[in-house]
Amino acid sequence: MINQALKSLGLNDNEIIIFSELVSIWSSVASSLAARTKINKSTVRYVCQGLEKKGLIFSIKKDDTFVYTAESPRRLNILLEKDKMILKEKEKNIKESIEYFDRLKNEKTILPKVSFFQWNEWLKKLYEQILECGQQIDSFEDNWEMFKAIPDFVDYFIGERKKRKIYNRVICPSNNPINKESKEELRSVKMIDEKLFPFTWDIKICSNTVSIMSFKENNSVAISITDKEIANNFRSLFEYMWKNLK
């Protein structure tokens, strides 16, 4: 346990052995340390030089022989402080590197954020995310397959949308039995002949996100794309149709 703690501070096996020995006897020459630790004398000298550089021991030359003495073990804190300084310097370098590459980054190369959803429970999470946007929803809708797939969730979604005062504009096939113009439900609807508009998927445009959903044949799937340019293109298509439908 203690060896692992000392290794985490950057000490190697020989440094741990010799420092521990010096702490226990306080002071010694290289030949004596070599005999006590079974480490080669020249290696002992080399290790002691390293420990001295780390501030854990000091040496005094006496009669052409170096005497090595252990500092207080509390000086191990010095190694911890050095690690903190190194970590702080690394954090600074990483921050500067990120800022540098952010400046180089071409916004046009940023990829859209795409999420895939499957099964009804997952799609409920997607509808929750749409509500969280808190902005107007523009929808291309099918024959309201959502109502068939998750009827218990429809009233909740509409209720939450009303509570958050989120307006919904809808373009849907004329045979859609559910979507109706409703001031109470904050919904405007324009319909198009189902033969000209045989939609089988829902598309919801909200803020910078486009959500494309299908509830067909118990195989519910959806793709959510968050990208300002993509959302604006879908919104332009919606606006064109909205203005040209009676």
Protein backbone atom coordinates (compact mmCIF):
# COMPACT_ATOMS: atom_id res chain seq x y z
CA MET A 1 0.00 0.00 0.00
CA ILE A 2 2.73 2.51 1.00
CA ASN A 3 4.81 1.54 -2.03
CA GLN A 4 1.90 2.33 -4.36
CA ALA A 5 1.38 5.66 -2.63
CA LEU A 6 5.05 6.58 -3.06
CA LYS A 7 5.08 5.40 -6.69
CA SER A 8 2.12 7.66 -7.37
CA LEU A 9 4.39 10.53 -6.32
CA GLY A 10 6.99 9.52 -8.90
CA LEU A 11 9.40 7.43 -6.82
CA ASN A 12 10.77 4.21 -8.30
CA ASP A 13 11.45 0.98 -6.40
CA ASN A 14 15.10 1.78 -5.54
CA GLU A 15 14.22 5.31 -4.44
CA ILE A 16 11.52 3.95 -2.14
CA ILE A 17 13.89 1.38 -0.61
CA ILE A 18 16.75 3.83 -0.01
CA PHE A 19 14.55 6.68 1.23
CA SER A 20 12.78 4.30 3.64
CA GLU A 21 16.16 3.07 4.90
CA LEU A 22 17.48 6.60 5.42
CA VAL A 23 14.32 7.64 7.26
CA SER A 24 14.78 4.71 9.64
CA ILE A 25 18.51 5.27 10.30
CA TRP A 26 18.49 9.00 9.48
CA SER A 27 22.01 9.20 8.00
CA SER A 28 24.43 6.91 6.16
CA VAL A 29 27.16 6.63 3.53
CA ALA A 30 26.68 4.84 0.23
CA SER A 31 28.64 1.72 1.19
CA SER A 32 26.55 1.18 4.30
CA LEU A 33 23.32 1.75 2.41
CA ALA A 34 24.44 -0.73 -0.24
CA ALA A 35 25.11 -3.37 2.41
CA ARG A 36 21.76 -2.79 4.13
CA THR A 37 19.61 -2.65 1.00
CA LYS A 38 21.54 -5.16 -1.19
CA ILE A 39 21.67 -2.52 -3.94
CA ASN A 40 24.89 -1.95 -5.87
CA LYS A 41 26.97 0.89 -4.35
CA SER A 42 27.19 2.90 -7.58
CA THR A 43 23.42 2.54 -7.99
CA VAL A 44 22.95 3.78 -4.42
CA ARG A 45 24.95 6.92 -5.22
CA TYR A 46 22.89 7.51 -8.38
CA VAL A 47 19.61 7.00 -6.55
CA CYS A 48 20.67 9.33 -3.73
CA GLN A 49 21.47 12.04 -6.26
CA GLY A 50 17.93 11.69 -7.61
CA LEU A 51 16.39 11.80 -4.13
CA GLU A 52 18.41 14.93 -3.36
CA LYS A 53 17.13 16.63 -6.50
CA LYS A 54 13.62 15.80 -5.36
CA GLY A 55 14.29 17.44 -1.99
CA LEU A 56 13.82 14.28 0.08
CA ILE A 57 17.43 13.93 1.31
CA PHE A 58 20.53 16.09 1.52
CA SER A 59 24.23 15.20 1.42
CA ILE A 60 27.35 16.46 3.17
CA LYS A 61 30.87 15.64 1.97
CA LYS A 62 33.05 14.41 4.82
CA ASP A 63 36.60 13.09 4.30
CA ASP A 64 36.02 12.56 0.57
CA THR A 65 32.84 10.61 1.32
CA PHE A 66 29.28 11.78 0.93
CA VAL A 67 27.02 11.29 3.91
CA TYR A 68 23.34 11.11 2.97
CA THR A 69 20.67 12.27 5.42
CA ALA A 70 16.89 11.98 5.15
CA GLU A 71 14.75 15.08 5.24
CA SER A 72 11.46 15.01 7.12
CA PRO A 73 8.97 12.68 5.44
CA ARG A 74 6.62 15.67 5.37
CA ARG A 75 8.69 16.93 2.45
CA LEU A 76 6.86 14.36 0.33
CA ASN A 77 4.30 17.16 0.05
CA ILE A 78 6.80 18.86 -2.24
CA LEU A 79 6.31 16.11 -4.80
CA LEU A 80 2.54 16.52 -4.56
CA GLU A 81 2.83 20.26 -5.10
CA LYS A 82 5.03 19.64 -8.12
CA ASP A 83 2.40 17.29 -9.53
CA LYS A 84 -0.23 19.95 -8.97
CA MET A 85 1.88 22.51 -10.80
CA ILE A 86 2.47 20.09 -13.69
CA LEU A 87 -1.26 19.30 -13.89
CA LYS A 88 -2.12 22.99 -13.81
CA GLU A 89 0.36 23.62 -16.62
CA LYS A 90 -1.11 20.76 -18.65
CA GLU A 91 -4.63 22.13 -18.14
CA LYS A 92 -3.43 25.52 -19.34
CA ASN A 93 -1.78 23.97 -22.41
CA ILE A 94 -4.90 21.94 -23.24
CA LYS A 95 -7.10 25.02 -22.91
CA GLU A 96 -4.81 27.02 -25.19
CA SER A 97 -4.73 24.14 -27.70
CA ILE A 98 -8.54 23.90 -27.79
CA GLU A 99 -8.85 27.66 -28.27
CA TYR A 100 -6.27 27.50 -31.08
CA PHE A 101 -8.08 24.71 -32.93
CA ASP A 102 -11.45 26.39 -32.36
CA ARG A 103 -10.07 29.44 -34.17
CA LEU A 104 -8.94 27.22 -37.05
CA LYS A 105 -12.24 25.40 -37.28
CA ASN A 106 -14.35 26.18 -40.32
CA GLU A 107 -17.98 26.44 -39.29
CA LYS A 108 -19.06 24.84 -42.57
CA THR A 109 -17.26 21.64 -41.58
CA ILE A 110 -19.28 21.19 -38.39
CA LEU A 111 -21.44 18.14 -38.84
CA PRO A 112 -25.12 18.14 -37.87
CA LYS A 113 -26.05 16.39 -34.65
CA VAL A 114 -28.06 13.30 -35.59
CA SER A 115 -29.93 11.07 -33.13
CA PHE A 116 -31.80 7.87 -33.92
CA PHE A 117 -34.87 6.71 -31.97
CA GLN A 118 -36.68 3.39 -32.04
CA TRP A 119 -39.76 2.01 -30.27
CA ASN A 120 -42.66 4.06 -28.95
CA GLU A 121 -41.13 4.84 -25.55
CA TRP A 122 -38.05 6.30 -27.19
CA LEU A 123 -40.18 8.41 -29.51
CA LYS A 124 -41.99 9.84 -26.49
CA LYS A 125 -38.59 11.13 -25.35
CA LEU A 126 -38.17 12.82 -28.72
CA TYR A 127 -41.54 14.56 -28.37
CA GLU A 128 -40.45 15.70 -24.90
CA GLN A 129 -37.32 17.21 -26.45
CA ILE A 130 -39.45 19.06 -28.99
CA LEU A 131 -41.51 20.56 -26.14
CA GLU A 132 -38.31 21.56 -24.37
CA CYS A 133 -37.42 23.81 -27.33
CA GLY A 134 -40.32 26.02 -26.25
CA GLN A 135 -40.75 27.43 -29.76
CA GLN A 136 -43.37 27.22 -32.51
CA ILE A 137 -43.66 23.82 -34.15
CA ASP A 138 -44.24 23.53 -37.91
CA SER A 139 -45.41 20.06 -38.94
CA PHE A 140 -45.85 17.99 -42.05
CA GLU A 141 -48.06 15.17 -40.79
CA ASP A 142 -49.38 11.83 -42.01
CA ASN A 143 -52.79 10.33 -41.26
CA TRP A 144 -52.06 10.66 -37.58
CA GLU A 145 -50.42 7.28 -37.12
CA MET A 146 -49.03 8.61 -33.85
CA PHE A 147 -52.52 8.51 -32.36
CA LYS A 148 -52.86 4.84 -33.29
CA ALA A 149 -49.43 3.96 -31.89
CA ILE A 150 -49.39 5.95 -28.63
CA PRO A 151 -52.95 7.24 -28.04
CA ASP A 152 -52.29 7.75 -24.31
CA PHE A 153 -49.48 10.18 -25.11
CA VAL A 154 -51.31 12.41 -27.57
CA ASP A 155 -53.47 14.24 -25.01
CA TYR A 156 -50.41 14.71 -22.79
CA PHE A 157 -48.38 16.19 -25.65
CA ILE A 158 -51.15 18.59 -26.69
CA GLY A 159 -51.80 19.56 -23.09
CA GLU A 160 -48.12 20.28 -22.44
CA ARG A 161 -47.87 22.24 -25.68
CA LYS A 162 -50.84 24.38 -24.64
CA LYS A 163 -49.46 24.85 -21.14
CA ARG A 164 -46.15 26.08 -22.57
CA LYS A 165 -48.01 28.24 -25.14
CA ILE A 166 -46.28 26.57 -28.09
CA TYR A 167 -48.19 27.22 -31.32
CA ASN A 168 -48.40 24.45 -33.93
CA ARG A 169 -48.89 24.96 -37.67
CA VAL A 170 -49.82 21.77 -39.50
CA ILE A 171 -49.86 20.70 -43.14
CA CYS A 172 -51.50 17.30 -43.50
CA PRO A 173 -53.45 15.09 -45.92
CA SER A 174 -57.14 15.97 -46.22
CA ASN A 175 -58.10 12.53 -44.89
CA ASN A 176 -56.33 13.17 -41.60
CA PRO A 177 -59.15 12.67 -39.06
CA ILE A 178 -57.45 14.21 -36.04
CA ASN A 179 -55.73 17.49 -36.87
CA LYS A 180 -58.31 20.26 -36.88
CA GLU A 181 -58.05 24.03 -36.79
CA SER A 182 -58.31 24.95 -33.11
CA LYS A 183 -57.63 28.24 -31.32
CA GLU A 184 -58.05 26.44 -28.01
CA GLU A 185 -55.36 23.93 -28.90
CA LEU A 186 -53.12 26.61 -30.46
CA ARG A 187 -53.22 24.89 -33.84
CA SER A 188 -53.57 26.16 -37.40
CA VAL A 189 -54.12 23.56 -40.12
CA LYS A 190 -53.91 23.55 -43.90
CA MET A 191 -54.84 20.40 -45.78
CA ILE A 192 -53.82 19.01 -49.13
CA ASP A 193 -55.33 16.23 -51.23
CA GLU A 194 -54.02 12.94 -49.88
CA LYS A 195 -53.35 11.77 -53.45
CA LEU A 196 -50.95 14.70 -53.90
CA PHE A 197 -49.61 14.42 -50.38
CA PRO A 198 -49.36 10.71 -49.50
CA PHE A 199 -47.23 11.27 -46.45
CA THR A 200 -46.48 8.26 -44.24
CA TRP A 201 -44.00 10.05 -41.98
CA ASP A 202 -44.30 13.07 -39.67
CA ILE A 203 -41.82 15.93 -39.94
CA LYS A 204 -41.61 18.45 -37.13
CA ILE A 205 -39.51 21.60 -37.44
CA CYS A 206 -38.74 23.35 -34.18
CA SER A 207 -35.90 25.79 -33.52
CA ASN A 208 -32.78 24.33 -35.21
CA THR A 209 -34.03 20.74 -35.13
CA VAL A 210 -35.90 18.66 -37.69
CA SER A 211 -37.52 15.45 -36.40
CA ILE A 212 -38.68 12.83 -38.89
CA MET A 213 -40.89 10.08 -37.42
CA SER A 214 -42.73 6.96 -38.51
CA PHE A 215 -45.26 4.92 -36.53
CA LYS A 216 -46.02 2.38 -39.24
CA GLU A 217 -46.80 -1.27 -38.46
CA ASN A 218 -45.53 -1.31 -34.90
CA ASN A 219 -42.09 -0.39 -36.15
CA SER A 220 -41.71 3.10 -34.71
CA VAL A 221 -38.54 4.90 -35.74
CA ALA A 222 -37.37 8.50 -35.85
CA ILE A 223 -34.39 10.62 -36.80
CA SER A 224 -33.65 13.94 -35.13
CA ILE A 225 -31.29 16.32 -36.94
CA THR A 226 -30.03 19.45 -35.20
CA ASP A 227 -28.49 21.85 -37.69
CA LYS A 228 -29.47 25.45 -38.33
CA GLU A 229 -29.06 25.31 -42.11
CA ILE A 230 -31.00 22.06 -42.49
CA ALA A 231 -33.79 23.37 -40.24
CA ASN A 232 -33.97 26.63 -42.21
CA ASN A 233 -34.28 24.72 -45.50
CA PHE A 234 -37.12 22.57 -44.18
CA ARG A 235 -38.76 25.71 -42.76
CA SER A 236 -38.51 27.46 -46.15
CA LEU A 237 -40.23 24.48 -47.78
CA PHE A 238 -42.95 24.59 -45.13
CA GLU A 239 -43.47 28.35 -45.57
CA TYR A 240 -43.75 27.96 -49.34
CA MET A 241 -46.44 25.32 -49.00
CA TRP A 242 -48.21 27.18 -46.20
CA LYS A 243 -48.51 30.34 -48.28
CA ASN A 244 -49.72 28.48 -51.38
CA LEU A 245 -52.36 26.34 -49.71
CA LYS A 246 -55.84 27.68 -49.11
